[in-house]
Protein backbone atom coordinates (compact mmCIF):
# COMPACT_ATOMS: atom_id res chain seq x y z
CA UNK A 1 0.00 0.00 0.00
CA UNK A 2 1.10 3.57 -0.71
CA UNK A 3 0.13 6.95 0.69
CA UNK A 4 0.24 10.41 -0.84
CA UNK A 5 0.76 13.13 1.76
CA UNK A 6 -0.17 16.62 0.57
CA UNK A 7 0.86 19.46 2.91
CA UNK A 8 0.00 23.04 1.98
CA UNK A 9 -0.16 26.62 3.10
CA UNK A 10 -3.52 27.81 1.85
CA UNK A 11 -4.23 30.82 -0.32
CA UNK A 12 -7.61 32.06 -1.55
CA UNK A 13 -9.99 29.10 -1.41
CA UNK A 14 -13.27 30.10 -3.05
CA UNK A 15 -16.42 28.10 -3.82
CA UNK A 16 -14.79 26.77 -7.01
CA UNK A 17 -12.11 25.25 -4.76
CA UNK A 18 -14.73 23.34 -2.76
CA UNK A 19 -16.28 22.01 -5.97
CA UNK A 20 -12.89 20.93 -7.31
CA UNK A 21 -12.06 19.09 -4.07
CA UNK A 22 -15.23 17.03 -4.46
CA UNK A 23 -14.46 16.27 -8.12
CA UNK A 24 -10.89 15.22 -7.25
CA UNK A 25 -12.03 12.93 -4.43
CA UNK A 26 -14.69 11.30 -6.62
CA UNK A 27 -12.23 10.88 -9.48
CA UNK A 28 -9.62 9.30 -7.21
CA UNK A 29 -12.10 6.75 -5.86
CA UNK A 30 -14.08 5.92 -9.01
CA UNK A 31 -11.41 5.97 -11.71
CA UNK A 32 -8.07 5.39 -9.96
CA UNK A 33 -8.89 2.97 -7.13
CA UNK A 34 -8.05 5.26 -4.21
CA UNK A 35 -8.63 3.34 -0.96
CA UNK A 36 -9.08 6.23 1.49
CA UNK A 37 -8.78 10.03 1.47
CA UNK A 38 -8.58 12.19 4.59
CA UNK A 39 -8.09 15.99 4.67
CA UNK A 40 -7.98 18.55 7.47
CA UNK A 41 -7.32 22.28 7.64
CA UNK A 42 -6.12 24.25 10.65
CA UNK A 43 -5.61 27.97 10.19
CA UNK A 44 -3.70 28.39 6.92
CA UNK A 45 -2.32 24.83 6.97
CA UNK A 46 -3.90 21.91 5.11
CA UNK A 47 -2.93 18.26 5.06
CA UNK A 48 -4.50 15.53 2.95
CA UNK A 49 -3.52 11.88 2.99
CA UNK A 50 -4.75 9.45 0.39
CA UNK A 51 -4.10 5.70 0.30
CA UNK A 52 -3.53 3.63 -2.83
CA UNK A 53 -2.81 0.02 -3.76
CA UNK A 54 -0.08 0.85 -6.28
CA UNK A 55 2.24 3.58 -7.50
CA UNK A 56 0.75 3.09 -10.98
CA UNK A 57 -2.67 4.17 -9.66
CA UNK A 58 -1.08 7.28 -8.12
CA UNK A 59 0.78 8.14 -11.32
CA UNK A 60 -2.32 7.68 -13.47
CA UNK A 61 -4.35 9.92 -11.13
CA UNK A 62 -1.57 12.53 -11.19
CA UNK A 63 -1.60 12.55 -15.02
CA UNK A 64 -5.39 12.90 -15.32
CA UNK A 65 -6.39 16.07 -17.24
CA UNK A 66 -8.86 17.18 -14.55
CA UNK A 67 -6.20 16.70 -11.89
CA UNK A 68 -3.74 18.71 -14.01
CA UNK A 69 -6.25 21.58 -14.09
CA UNK A 70 -6.72 21.37 -10.31
CA UNK A 71 -2.93 21.50 -9.85
CA UNK A 72 -2.68 24.57 -12.09
CA UNK A 73 -5.43 26.39 -10.19
CA UNK A 74 -3.82 25.34 -6.93
CA UNK A 75 -0.52 26.95 -7.93
CA UNK A 76 -2.21 30.06 -9.32
CA UNK A 77 -4.60 30.87 -6.47
CA UNK A 78 -5.62 28.24 -3.93
CA UNK A 79 -2.23 27.56 -2.32
CA UNK A 80 0.66 29.77 -1.29
CA UNK A 81 2.89 26.66 -1.25
CA UNK A 82 2.62 22.88 -1.02
CA UNK A 83 4.64 19.69 -0.73
CA UNK A 84 3.68 16.22 -1.93
CA UNK A 85 5.23 13.05 -0.57
CA UNK A 86 4.59 9.54 -1.89
CA UNK A 87 5.44 6.89 0.68
CA UNK A 88 5.14 3.13 0.93
CA UNK A 89 3.27 1.88 3.98
CA UNK A 90 5.35 -0.87 5.55
CA UNK A 91 3.07 -1.69 8.48
CA UNK A 92 -0.38 -0.71 9.56
CA UNK A 93 -1.93 -1.04 13.02
CA UNK A 94 -5.41 -0.19 14.19
CA UNK A 95 -7.66 -0.28 17.22
CA UNK A 96 -11.38 -0.47 16.70
CA UNK A 97 -14.37 -0.56 19.01
C-alpha atoms as a PDB file:
ATOM      1  CA  UNK A   1       0.000   0.000   0.000  1.00  0.00           C
ATOM      2  CA  UNK A   2       1.101   3.574  -0.712  1.00  0.00           C
ATOM      3  CA  UNK A   3       0.131   6.949   0.693  1.00  0.00           C
ATOM      4  CA  UNK A   4       0.240  10.409  -0.843  1.00  0.00           C
ATOM      5  CA  UNK A   5       0.763  13.132   1.755  1.00  0.00           C
ATOM      6  CA  UNK A   6      -0.175  16.619   0.573  1.00  0.00           C
ATOM      7  CA  UNK A   7       0.857  19.463   2.907  1.00  0.00           C
ATOM      8  CA  UNK A   8      -0.003  23.044   1.980  1.00  0.00           C
ATOM      9  CA  UNK A   9      -0.157  26.620   3.104  1.00  0.00           C
ATOM     10  CA  UNK A  10      -3.522  27.808   1.847  1.00  0.00           C
ATOM     11  CA  UNK A  11      -4.228  30.822  -0.321  1.00  0.00           C
ATOM     12  CA  UNK A  12      -7.605  32.056  -1.554  1.00  0.00           C
ATOM     13  CA  UNK A  13      -9.990  29.096  -1.405  1.00  0.00           C
ATOM     14  CA  UNK A  14     -13.268  30.097  -3.049  1.00  0.00           C
ATOM     15  CA  UNK A  15     -16.418  28.101  -3.823  1.00  0.00           C
ATOM     16  CA  UNK A  16     -14.785  26.768  -7.009  1.00  0.00           C
ATOM     17  CA  UNK A  17     -12.105  25.249  -4.765  1.00  0.00           C
ATOM     18  CA  UNK A  18     -14.729  23.336  -2.761  1.00  0.00           C
ATOM     19  CA  UNK A  19     -16.284  22.010  -5.967  1.00  0.00           C
ATOM     20  CA  UNK A  20     -12.886  20.927  -7.307  1.00  0.00           C
ATOM     21  CA  UNK A  21     -12.057  19.092  -4.067  1.00  0.00           C
ATOM     22  CA  UNK A  22     -15.235  17.030  -4.461  1.00  0.00           C
ATOM     23  CA  UNK A  23     -14.457  16.271  -8.118  1.00  0.00           C
ATOM     24  CA  UNK A  24     -10.887  15.219  -7.253  1.00  0.00           C
ATOM     25  CA  UNK A  25     -12.031  12.928  -4.434  1.00  0.00           C
ATOM     26  CA  UNK A  26     -14.694  11.304  -6.624  1.00  0.00           C
ATOM     27  CA  UNK A  27     -12.226  10.880  -9.484  1.00  0.00           C
ATOM     28  CA  UNK A  28      -9.617   9.304  -7.211  1.00  0.00           C
ATOM     29  CA  UNK A  29     -12.103   6.750  -5.864  1.00  0.00           C
ATOM     30  CA  UNK A  30     -14.076   5.918  -9.011  1.00  0.00           C
ATOM     31  CA  UNK A  31     -11.407   5.968 -11.706  1.00  0.00           C
ATOM     32  CA  UNK A  32      -8.072   5.389  -9.961  1.00  0.00           C
ATOM     33  CA  UNK A  33      -8.886   2.967  -7.130  1.00  0.00           C
ATOM     34  CA  UNK A  34      -8.049   5.263  -4.208  1.00  0.00           C
ATOM     35  CA  UNK A  35      -8.633   3.344  -0.962  1.00  0.00           C
ATOM     36  CA  UNK A  36      -9.080   6.228   1.494  1.00  0.00           C
ATOM     37  CA  UNK A  37      -8.784  10.029   1.468  1.00  0.00           C
ATOM     38  CA  UNK A  38      -8.583  12.194   4.593  1.00  0.00           C
ATOM     39  CA  UNK A  39      -8.094  15.988   4.670  1.00  0.00           C
ATOM     40  CA  UNK A  40      -7.982  18.553   7.468  1.00  0.00           C
ATOM     41  CA  UNK A  41      -7.321  22.281   7.645  1.00  0.00           C
ATOM     42  CA  UNK A  42      -6.124  24.246  10.650  1.00  0.00           C
ATOM     43  CA  UNK A  43      -5.609  27.971  10.189  1.00  0.00           C
ATOM     44  CA  UNK A  44      -3.699  28.386   6.921  1.00  0.00           C
ATOM     45  CA  UNK A  45      -2.323  24.825   6.970  1.00  0.00           C
ATOM     46  CA  UNK A  46      -3.901  21.905   5.107  1.00  0.00           C
ATOM     47  CA  UNK A  47      -2.928  18.257   5.064  1.00  0.00           C
ATOM     48  CA  UNK A  48      -4.497  15.533   2.949  1.00  0.00           C
ATOM     49  CA  UNK A  49      -3.516  11.882   2.990  1.00  0.00           C
ATOM     50  CA  UNK A  50      -4.753   9.448   0.386  1.00  0.00           C
ATOM     51  CA  UNK A  51      -4.099   5.703   0.304  1.00  0.00           C
ATOM     52  CA  UNK A  52      -3.531   3.631  -2.830  1.00  0.00           C
ATOM     53  CA  UNK A  53      -2.812   0.022  -3.761  1.00  0.00           C
ATOM     54  CA  UNK A  54      -0.078   0.846  -6.281  1.00  0.00           C
ATOM     55  CA  UNK A  55       2.239   3.578  -7.500  1.00  0.00           C
ATOM     56  CA  UNK A  56       0.755   3.094 -10.976  1.00  0.00           C
ATOM     57  CA  UNK A  57      -2.668   4.167  -9.656  1.00  0.00           C
ATOM     58  CA  UNK A  58      -1.082   7.283  -8.124  1.00  0.00           C
ATOM     59  CA  UNK A  59       0.779   8.142 -11.318  1.00  0.00           C
ATOM     60  CA  UNK A  60      -2.320   7.679 -13.469  1.00  0.00           C
ATOM     61  CA  UNK A  61      -4.350   9.918 -11.132  1.00  0.00           C
ATOM     62  CA  UNK A  62      -1.572  12.530 -11.187  1.00  0.00           C
ATOM     63  CA  UNK A  63      -1.596  12.553 -15.023  1.00  0.00           C
ATOM     64  CA  UNK A  64      -5.391  12.902 -15.321  1.00  0.00           C
ATOM     65  CA  UNK A  65      -6.387  16.066 -17.245  1.00  0.00           C
ATOM     66  CA  UNK A  66      -8.861  17.175 -14.548  1.00  0.00           C
ATOM     67  CA  UNK A  67      -6.198  16.699 -11.893  1.00  0.00           C
ATOM     68  CA  UNK A  68      -3.741  18.709 -14.007  1.00  0.00           C
ATOM     69  CA  UNK A  69      -6.251  21.578 -14.093  1.00  0.00           C
ATOM     70  CA  UNK A  70      -6.715  21.366 -10.311  1.00  0.00           C
ATOM     71  CA  UNK A  71      -2.928  21.500  -9.855  1.00  0.00           C
ATOM     72  CA  UNK A  72      -2.676  24.566 -12.091  1.00  0.00           C
ATOM     73  CA  UNK A  73      -5.434  26.392 -10.190  1.00  0.00           C
ATOM     74  CA  UNK A  74      -3.818  25.339  -6.925  1.00  0.00           C
ATOM     75  CA  UNK A  75      -0.516  26.948  -7.928  1.00  0.00           C
ATOM     76  CA  UNK A  76      -2.209  30.065  -9.318  1.00  0.00           C
ATOM     77  CA  UNK A  77      -4.602  30.871  -6.471  1.00  0.00           C
ATOM     78  CA  UNK A  78      -5.617  28.235  -3.925  1.00  0.00           C
ATOM     79  CA  UNK A  79      -2.232  27.556  -2.318  1.00  0.00           C
ATOM     80  CA  UNK A  80       0.664  29.766  -1.288  1.00  0.00           C
ATOM     81  CA  UNK A  81       2.892  26.655  -1.249  1.00  0.00           C
ATOM     82  CA  UNK A  82       2.621  22.883  -1.024  1.00  0.00           C
ATOM     83  CA  UNK A  83       4.645  19.685  -0.734  1.00  0.00           C
ATOM     84  CA  UNK A  84       3.677  16.222  -1.928  1.00  0.00           C
ATOM     85  CA  UNK A  85       5.234  13.045  -0.569  1.00  0.00           C
ATOM     86  CA  UNK A  86       4.586   9.537  -1.895  1.00  0.00           C
ATOM     87  CA  UNK A  87       5.439   6.889   0.679  1.00  0.00           C
ATOM     88  CA  UNK A  88       5.144   3.133   0.933  1.00  0.00           C
ATOM     89  CA  UNK A  89       3.265   1.880   3.980  1.00  0.00           C
ATOM     90  CA  UNK A  90       5.349  -0.871   5.550  1.00  0.00           C
ATOM     91  CA  UNK A  91       3.073  -1.686   8.484  1.00  0.00           C
ATOM     92  CA  UNK A  92      -0.378  -0.712   9.563  1.00  0.00           C
ATOM     93  CA  UNK A  93      -1.931  -1.043  13.025  1.00  0.00           C
ATOM     94  CA  UNK A  94      -5.411  -0.195  14.192  1.00  0.00           C
ATOM     95  CA  UNK A  95      -7.660  -0.276  17.219  1.00  0.00           C
ATOM     96  CA  UNK A  96     -11.381  -0.471  16.699  1.00  0.00           C
ATOM     97  CA  UNK A  97     -14.375  -0.558  19.011  1.00  0.00           C
END
